[in-house]
Amino acid sequence: MIEINIKELGERIKDLRLELGLSQKQLADKIGAAANTVSQYESGKSRTSIDILANLAVALNTTTDYLLGLEQ
């Protein structure tokens, strides 16, 4: 079983968001979520669903494997 580090997931989301020059609100709009939800993901306070994870990967031009820390 794979153990997901939600703190690392949040850091990867934030790093990629900043690299793309997106605000939390802009990213939230792209994935169909509220800005405070993105904030909770980035801080590791909330887990994301598989659907939102897939949307995050598309919006951030990456893969779900990268976000989950399964690839570098």
PDB file of N, CA and C in Angstrom:
ATOM      1  N   MET A   1       0.838  -1.175   0.000  1.00  0.00           N
ATOM      2  CA  MET A   1       0.000   0.000   0.000  1.00  0.00           C
ATOM      3  C   MET A   1       0.888   1.244   0.000  1.00  0.00           C
ATOM      4  N   ILE A   2       0.486   2.231  -0.753  1.00  0.00           N
ATOM      5  CA  ILE A   2       1.223   3.484  -0.851  1.00  0.00           C
ATOM      6  C   ILE A   2       0.700   4.446   0.206  1.00  0.00           C
ATOM      7  N   GLU A   3       1.632   5.035   0.953  1.00  0.00           N
ATOM      8  CA  GLU A   3       1.247   6.039   1.943  1.00  0.00           C
ATOM      9  C   GLU A   3       1.528   7.416   1.364  1.00  0.00           C
ATOM     10  N   ILE A   4       0.494   8.246   1.328  1.00  0.00           N
ATOM     11  CA  ILE A   4       0.614   9.572   0.749  1.00  0.00           C
ATOM     12  C   ILE A   4       0.937  10.582   1.842  1.00  0.00           C
ATOM     13  N   ASN A   5       1.964  11.372   1.617  1.00  0.00           N
ATOM     14  CA  ASN A   5       2.342  12.439   2.534  1.00  0.00           C
ATOM     15  C   ASN A   5       1.606  13.699   2.085  1.00  0.00           C
ATOM     16  N   ILE A   6       0.514  14.060   2.791  1.00  0.00           N
ATOM     17  CA  ILE A   6      -0.292  15.191   2.326  1.00  0.00           C
ATOM     18  C   ILE A   6       0.437  16.522   2.475  1.00  0.00           C
ATOM     19  N   LYS A   7       1.399  16.585   3.373  1.00  0.00           N
ATOM     20  CA  LYS A   7       2.213  17.803   3.512  1.00  0.00           C
ATOM     21  C   LYS A   7       3.055  18.002   2.246  1.00  0.00           C
ATOM     22  N   GLU A   8       3.675  16.914   1.774  1.00  0.00           N
ATOM     23  CA  GLU A   8       4.472  16.973   0.547  1.00  0.00           C
ATOM     24  C   GLU A   8       3.583  17.281  -0.657  1.00  0.00           C
ATOM     25  N   LEU A   9       2.408  16.688  -0.709  1.00  0.00           N
ATOM     26  CA  LEU A   9       1.454  16.966  -1.779  1.00  0.00           C
ATOM     27  C   LEU A   9       1.141  18.457  -1.813  1.00  0.00           C
ATOM     28  N   GLY A  10       0.863  19.030  -0.650  1.00  0.00           N
ATOM     29  CA  GLY A  10       0.554  20.457  -0.569  1.00  0.00           C
ATOM     30  C   GLY A  10       1.707  21.334  -1.029  1.00  0.00           C
ATOM     31  N   GLU A  11       2.915  20.944  -0.645  1.00  0.00           N
ATOM     32  CA  GLU A  11       4.089  21.714  -1.058  1.00  0.00           C
ATOM     33  C   GLU A  11       4.272  21.671  -2.565  1.00  0.00           C
ATOM     34  N   ARG A  12       4.027  20.519  -3.159  1.00  0.00           N
ATOM     35  CA  ARG A  12       4.160  20.389  -4.616  1.00  0.00           C
ATOM     36  C   ARG A  12       3.096  21.221  -5.329  1.00  0.00           C
ATOM     37  N   ILE A  13       1.875  21.188  -4.812  1.00  0.00           N
ATOM     38  CA  ILE A  13       0.805  22.006  -5.409  1.00  0.00           C
ATOM     39  C   ILE A  13       1.200  23.480  -5.357  1.00  0.00           C
ATOM     40  N   LYS A  14       1.635  23.933  -4.194  1.00  0.00           N
ATOM     41  CA  LYS A  14       1.997  25.345  -4.028  1.00  0.00           C
ATOM     42  C   LYS A  14       3.166  25.731  -4.927  1.00  0.00           C
ATOM     43  N   ASP A  15       4.220  24.913  -4.948  1.00  0.00           N
ATOM     44  CA  ASP A  15       5.388  25.216  -5.777  1.00  0.00           C
ATOM     45  C   ASP A  15       5.013  25.346  -7.251  1.00  0.00           C
ATOM     46  N   LEU A  16       4.221  24.400  -7.743  1.00  0.00           N
ATOM     47  CA  LEU A  16       3.825  24.445  -9.154  1.00  0.00           C
ATOM     48  C   LEU A  16       2.909  25.631  -9.434  1.00  0.00           C
ATOM     49  N   ARG A  17       2.009  25.909  -8.518  1.00  0.00           N
ATOM     50  CA  ARG A  17       1.096  27.058  -8.683  1.00  0.00           C
ATOM     51  C   ARG A  17       1.905  28.345  -8.806  1.00  0.00           C
ATOM     52  N   LEU A  18       2.882  28.513  -7.919  1.00  0.00           N
ATOM     53  CA  LEU A  18       3.705  29.723  -7.946  1.00  0.00           C
ATOM     54  C   LEU A  18       4.566  29.795  -9.207  1.00  0.00           C
ATOM     55  N   GLU A  19       5.101  28.646  -9.647  1.00  0.00           N
ATOM     56  CA  GLU A  19       5.881  28.615 -10.892  1.00  0.00           C
ATOM     57  C   GLU A  19       5.054  29.086 -12.075  1.00  0.00           C
ATOM     58  N   LEU A  20       3.766  28.760 -12.057  1.00  0.00           N
ATOM     59  CA  LEU A  20       2.871  29.160 -13.154  1.00  0.00           C
ATOM     60  C   LEU A  20       2.309  30.565 -12.964  1.00  0.00           C
ATOM     61  N   GLY A  21       2.617  31.181 -11.825  1.00  0.00           N
ATOM     62  CA  GLY A  21       2.148  32.539 -11.565  1.00  0.00           C
ATOM     63  C   GLY A  21       0.658  32.625 -11.279  1.00  0.00           C
ATOM     64  N   LEU A  22       0.107  31.555 -10.713  1.00  0.00           N
ATOM     65  CA  LEU A  22      -1.328  31.522 -10.404  1.00  0.00           C
ATOM     66  C   LEU A  22      -1.581  31.858  -8.937  1.00  0.00           C
ATOM     67  N   SER A  23      -2.656  32.575  -8.690  1.00  0.00           N
ATOM     68  CA  SER A  23      -3.101  32.775  -7.316  1.00  0.00           C
ATOM     69  C   SER A  23      -3.883  31.542  -6.888  1.00  0.00           C
ATOM     70  N   GLN A  24      -4.134  31.426  -5.601  1.00  0.00           N
ATOM     71  CA  GLN A  24      -4.958  30.306  -5.135  1.00  0.00           C
ATOM     72  C   GLN A  24      -6.344  30.378  -5.759  1.00  0.00           C
ATOM     73  N   LYS A  25      -6.885  31.576  -5.912  1.00  0.00           N
ATOM     74  CA  LYS A  25      -8.211  31.743  -6.515  1.00  0.00           C
ATOM     75  C   LYS A  25      -8.202  31.292  -7.972  1.00  0.00           C
ATOM     76  N   GLN A  26      -7.171  31.657  -8.709  1.00  0.00           N
ATOM     77  CA  GLN A  26      -7.085  31.250 -10.119  1.00  0.00           C
ATOM     78  C   GLN A  26      -7.005  29.732 -10.246  1.00  0.00           C
ATOM     79  N   LEU A  27      -6.189  29.106  -9.392  1.00  0.00           N
ATOM     80  CA  LEU A  27      -6.094  27.648  -9.431  1.00  0.00           C
ATOM     81  C   LEU A  27      -7.428  27.026  -9.034  1.00  0.00           C
ATOM     82  N   ALA A  28      -8.046  27.568  -8.009  1.00  0.00           N
ATOM     83  CA  ALA A  28      -9.343  27.056  -7.565  1.00  0.00           C
ATOM     84  C   ALA A  28     -10.366  27.111  -8.697  1.00  0.00           C
ATOM     85  N   ASP A  29     -10.391  28.209  -9.427  1.00  0.00           N
ATOM     86  CA  ASP A  29     -11.322  28.347 -10.555  1.00  0.00           C
ATOM     87  C   ASP A  29     -11.059  27.276 -11.614  1.00  0.00           C
ATOM     88  N   LYS A  30      -9.799  26.976 -11.856  1.00  0.00           N
ATOM     89  CA  LYS A  30      -9.440  25.976 -12.867  1.00  0.00           C
ATOM     90  C   LYS A  30      -9.867  24.561 -12.474  1.00  0.00           C
ATOM     91  N   ILE A  31      -9.895  24.289 -11.155  1.00  0.00           N
ATOM     92  CA  ILE A  31     -10.219  22.921 -10.715  1.00  0.00           C
ATOM     93  C   ILE A  31     -11.641  22.802 -10.174  1.00  0.00           C
ATOM     94  N   GLY A  32     -12.378  23.908 -10.160  1.00  0.00           N
ATOM     95  CA  GLY A  32     -13.761  23.866  -9.697  1.00  0.00           C
ATOM     96  C   GLY A  32     -13.882  23.756  -8.187  1.00  0.00           C
ATOM     97  N   ALA A  33     -13.028  24.498  -7.487  1.00  0.00           N
ATOM     98  CA  ALA A  33     -13.040  24.478  -6.021  1.00  0.00           C
ATOM     99  C   ALA A  33     -12.973  25.912  -5.500  1.00  0.00           C
ATOM    100  N   ALA A  34     -13.130  26.060  -4.201  1.00  0.00           N
ATOM    101  CA  ALA A  34     -13.011  27.371  -3.561  1.00  0.00           C
ATOM    102  C   ALA A  34     -11.545  27.657  -3.242  1.00  0.00           C
ATOM    103  N   ALA A  35     -11.188  28.938  -3.211  1.00  0.00           N
ATOM    104  CA  ALA A  35      -9.806  29.334  -2.927  1.00  0.00           C
ATOM    105  C   ALA A  35      -9.354  28.820  -1.564  1.00  0.00           C
ATOM    106  N   ASN A  36     -10.239  28.826  -0.574  1.00  0.00           N
ATOM    107  CA  ASN A  36      -9.840  28.336   0.749  1.00  0.00           C
ATOM    108  C   ASN A  36      -9.577  26.835   0.727  1.00  0.00           C
ATOM    109  N   THR A  37     -10.184  26.124  -0.200  1.00  0.00           N
ATOM    110  CA  THR A  37      -9.919  24.692  -0.350  1.00  0.00           C
ATOM    111  C   THR A  37      -8.496  24.477  -0.856  1.00  0.00           C
ATOM    112  N   VAL A  38      -8.077  25.268  -1.827  1.00  0.00           N
ATOM    113  CA  VAL A  38      -6.705  25.183  -2.325  1.00  0.00           C
ATOM    114  C   VAL A  38      -5.736  25.494  -1.194  1.00  0.00           C
ATOM    115  N   SER A  39      -6.049  26.485  -0.387  1.00  0.00           N
ATOM    116  CA  SER A  39      -5.210  26.830   0.761  1.00  0.00           C
ATOM    117  C   SER A  39      -5.071  25.640   1.713  1.00  0.00           C
ATOM    118  N   GLN A  40      -6.174  24.938   1.949  1.00  0.00           N
ATOM    119  CA  GLN A  40      -6.144  23.766   2.833  1.00  0.00           C
ATOM    120  C   GLN A  40      -5.319  22.631   2.228  1.00  0.00           C
ATOM    121  N   TYR A  41      -5.405  22.439   0.918  1.00  0.00           N
ATOM    122  CA  TYR A  41      -4.576  21.427   0.257  1.00  0.00           C
ATOM    123  C   TYR A  41      -3.104  21.779   0.425  1.00  0.00           C
ATOM    124  N   GLU A  42      -2.771  23.046   0.154  1.00  0.00           N
ATOM    125  CA  GLU A  42      -1.373  23.474   0.205  1.00  0.00           C
ATOM    126  C   GLU A  42      -0.787  23.382   1.614  1.00  0.00           C
ATOM    127  N   SER A  43      -1.595  23.600   2.612  1.00  0.00           N
ATOM    128  CA  SER A  43      -1.095  23.546   3.988  1.00  0.00           C
ATOM    129  C   SER A  43      -1.125  22.129   4.560  1.00  0.00           C
ATOM    130  N   GLY A  44      -1.662  21.178   3.803  1.00  0.00           N
ATOM    131  CA  GLY A  44      -1.723  19.794   4.261  1.00  0.00           C
ATOM    132  C   GLY A  44      -2.823  19.552   5.272  1.00  0.00           C
ATOM    133  N   LYS A  45      -3.792  20.453   5.330  1.00  0.00           N
ATOM    134  CA  LYS A  45      -4.886  20.323   6.295  1.00  0.00           C
ATOM    135  C   LYS A  45      -6.082  19.553   5.743  1.00  0.00           C
ATOM    136  N   SER A  46      -6.079  19.329   4.439  1.00  0.00           N
ATOM    137  CA  SER A  46      -7.215  18.651   3.815  1.00  0.00           C
ATOM    138  C   SER A  46      -6.717  17.718   2.725  1.00  0.00           C
ATOM    139  N   ARG A  47      -7.363  16.576   2.620  1.00  0.00           N
ATOM    140  CA  ARG A  47      -7.071  15.631   1.539  1.00  0.00           C
ATOM    141  C   ARG A  47      -7.948  15.977   0.339  1.00  0.00           C
ATOM    142  N   THR A  48      -7.476  15.604  -0.818  1.00  0.00           N
ATOM    143  CA  THR A  48      -8.218  15.860  -2.042  1.00  0.00           C
ATOM    144  C   THR A  48      -8.822  14.561  -2.579  1.00  0.00           C
ATOM    145  N   SER A  49      -9.902  14.694  -3.318  1.00  0.00           N
ATOM    146  CA  SER A  49     -10.492  13.529  -3.967  1.00  0.00           C
ATOM    147  C   SER A  49      -9.665  13.188  -5.202  1.00  0.00           C
ATOM    148  N   ILE A  50      -9.893  12.018  -5.731  1.00  0.00           N
ATOM    149  CA  ILE A  50      -9.191  11.596  -6.945  1.00  0.00           C
ATOM    150  C   ILE A  50      -9.551  12.522  -8.107  1.00  0.00           C
ATOM    151  N   ASP A  51     -10.805  12.919  -8.206  1.00  0.00           N
ATOM    152  CA  ASP A  51     -11.230  13.809  -9.284  1.00  0.00           C
ATOM    153  C   ASP A  51     -10.498  15.147  -9.217  1.00  0.00           C
ATOM    154  N   ILE A  52     -10.428  15.731  -8.034  1.00  0.00           N
ATOM    155  CA  ILE A  52      -9.747  17.016  -7.869  1.00  0.00           C
ATOM    156  C   ILE A  52      -8.248  16.845  -8.106  1.00  0.00           C
ATOM    157  N   LEU A  53      -7.677  15.740  -7.659  1.00  0.00           N
ATOM    158  CA  LEU A  53      -6.260  15.482  -7.891  1.00  0.00           C
ATOM    159  C   LEU A  53      -5.966  15.465  -9.392  1.00  0.00           C
ATOM    160  N   ALA A  54      -6.811  14.813 -10.144  1.00  0.00           N
ATOM    161  CA  ALA A  54      -6.643  14.777 -11.604  1.00  0.00           C
ATOM    162  C   ALA A  54      -6.766  16.180 -12.191  1.00  0.00           C
ATOM    163  N   ASN A  55      -7.734  16.959 -11.713  1.00  0.00           N
ATOM    164  CA  ASN A  55      -7.900  18.339 -12.182  1.00  0.00           C
ATOM    165  C   ASN A  55      -6.685  19.192 -11.827  1.00  0.00           C
ATOM    166  N   LEU A  56      -6.125  18.982 -10.631  1.00  0.00           N
ATOM    167  CA  LEU A  56      -4.925  19.708 -10.225  1.00  0.00           C
ATOM    168  C   LEU A  56      -3.758  19.387 -11.158  1.00  0.00           C
ATOM    169  N   ALA A  57      -3.600  18.122 -11.482  1.00  0.00           N
ATOM    170  CA  ALA A  57      -2.503  17.720 -12.371  1.00  0.00           C
ATOM    171  C   ALA A  57      -2.624  18.408 -13.728  1.00  0.00           C
ATOM    172  N   VAL A  58      -3.816  18.451 -14.270  1.00  0.00           N
ATOM    173  CA  VAL A  58      -4.025  19.112 -15.566  1.00  0.00           C
ATOM    174  C   VAL A  58      -3.757  20.615 -15.443  1.00  0.00           C
ATOM    175  N   ALA A  59      -4.336  21.241 -14.427  1.00  0.00           N
ATOM    176  CA  ALA A  59      -4.187  22.691 -14.246  1.00  0.00           C
ATOM    177  C   ALA A  59      -2.743  23.098 -13.998  1.00  0.00           C
ATOM    178  N   LEU A  60      -1.972  22.218 -13.374  1.00  0.00           N
ATOM    179  CA  LEU A  60      -0.589  22.533 -13.026  1.00  0.00           C
ATOM    180  C   LEU A  60       0.420  21.942 -14.024  1.00  0.00           C
ATOM    181  N   ASN A  61      -0.087  21.391 -15.118  1.00  0.00           N
ATOM    182  CA  ASN A  61       0.766  20.829 -16.181  1.00  0.00           C
ATOM    183  C   ASN A  61       1.735  19.775 -15.638  1.00  0.00           C
ATOM    184  N   THR A  62       1.209  18.853 -14.861  1.00  0.00           N
ATOM    185  CA  THR A  62       2.040  17.802 -14.280  1.00  0.00           C
ATOM    186  C   THR A  62       1.243  16.496 -14.265  1.00  0.00           C
ATOM    187  N   THR A  63       1.729  15.526 -13.525  1.00  0.00           N
ATOM    188  CA  THR A  63       1.037  14.247 -13.408  1.00  0.00           C
ATOM    189  C   THR A  63       0.580  14.036 -11.972  1.00  0.00           C
ATOM    190  N   THR A  64      -0.392  13.183 -11.821  1.00  0.00           N
ATOM    191  CA  THR A  64      -0.824  12.826 -10.468  1.00  0.00           C
ATOM    192  C   THR A  64       0.299  12.112  -9.727  1.00  0.00           C
ATOM    193  N   ASP A  65       1.089  11.329 -10.431  1.00  0.00           N
ATOM    194  CA  ASP A  65       2.223  10.649  -9.793  1.00  0.00           C
ATOM    195  C   ASP A  65       3.194  11.645  -9.190  1.00  0.00           C
ATOM    196  N   TYR A  66       3.475  12.726  -9.914  1.00  0.00           N
ATOM    197  CA  TYR A  66       4.378  13.756  -9.371  1.00  0.00           C
ATOM    198  C   TYR A  66       3.760  14.393  -8.130  1.00  0.00           C
ATOM    199  N   LEU A  67       2.493  14.774  -8.211  1.00  0.00           N
ATOM    200  CA  LEU A  67       1.838  15.412  -7.065  1.00  0.00           C
ATOM    201  C   LEU A  67       1.854  14.516  -5.846  1.00  0.00           C
ATOM    202  N   LEU A  68       1.689  13.229  -6.057  1.00  0.00           N
ATOM    203  CA  LEU A  68       1.647  12.274  -4.954  1.00  0.00           C
ATOM    204  C   LEU A  68       3.035  11.864  -4.458  1.00  0.00           C
ATOM    205  N   GLY A  69       4.072  12.349  -5.135  1.00  0.00           N
ATOM    206  CA  GLY A  69       5.422  12.017  -4.712  1.00  0.00           C
ATOM    207  C   GLY A  69       5.902  10.657  -5.188  1.00  0.00           C
ATOM    208  N   LEU A  70       5.227  10.097  -6.193  1.00  0.00           N
ATOM    209  CA  LEU A  70       5.601   8.795  -6.721  1.00  0.00           C
ATOM    210  C   LEU A  70       6.665   8.896  -7.802  1.00  0.00           C
ATOM    211  N   GLU A  71       6.862  10.110  -8.312  1.00  0.00           N
ATOM    212  CA  GLU A  71       7.930  10.375  -9.277  1.00  0.00           C
ATOM    213  C   GLU A  71       8.505  11.744  -8.974  1.00  0.00           C
ATOM    214  N   GLN A  72       9.730  11.927  -9.373  1.00  0.00           N
ATOM    215  CA  GLN A  72      10.411  13.219  -9.109  1.00  0.00           C
ATOM    216  C   GLN A  72      10.306  14.120 -10.271  1.00  0.00           C
TER     217      GLN A  72
END
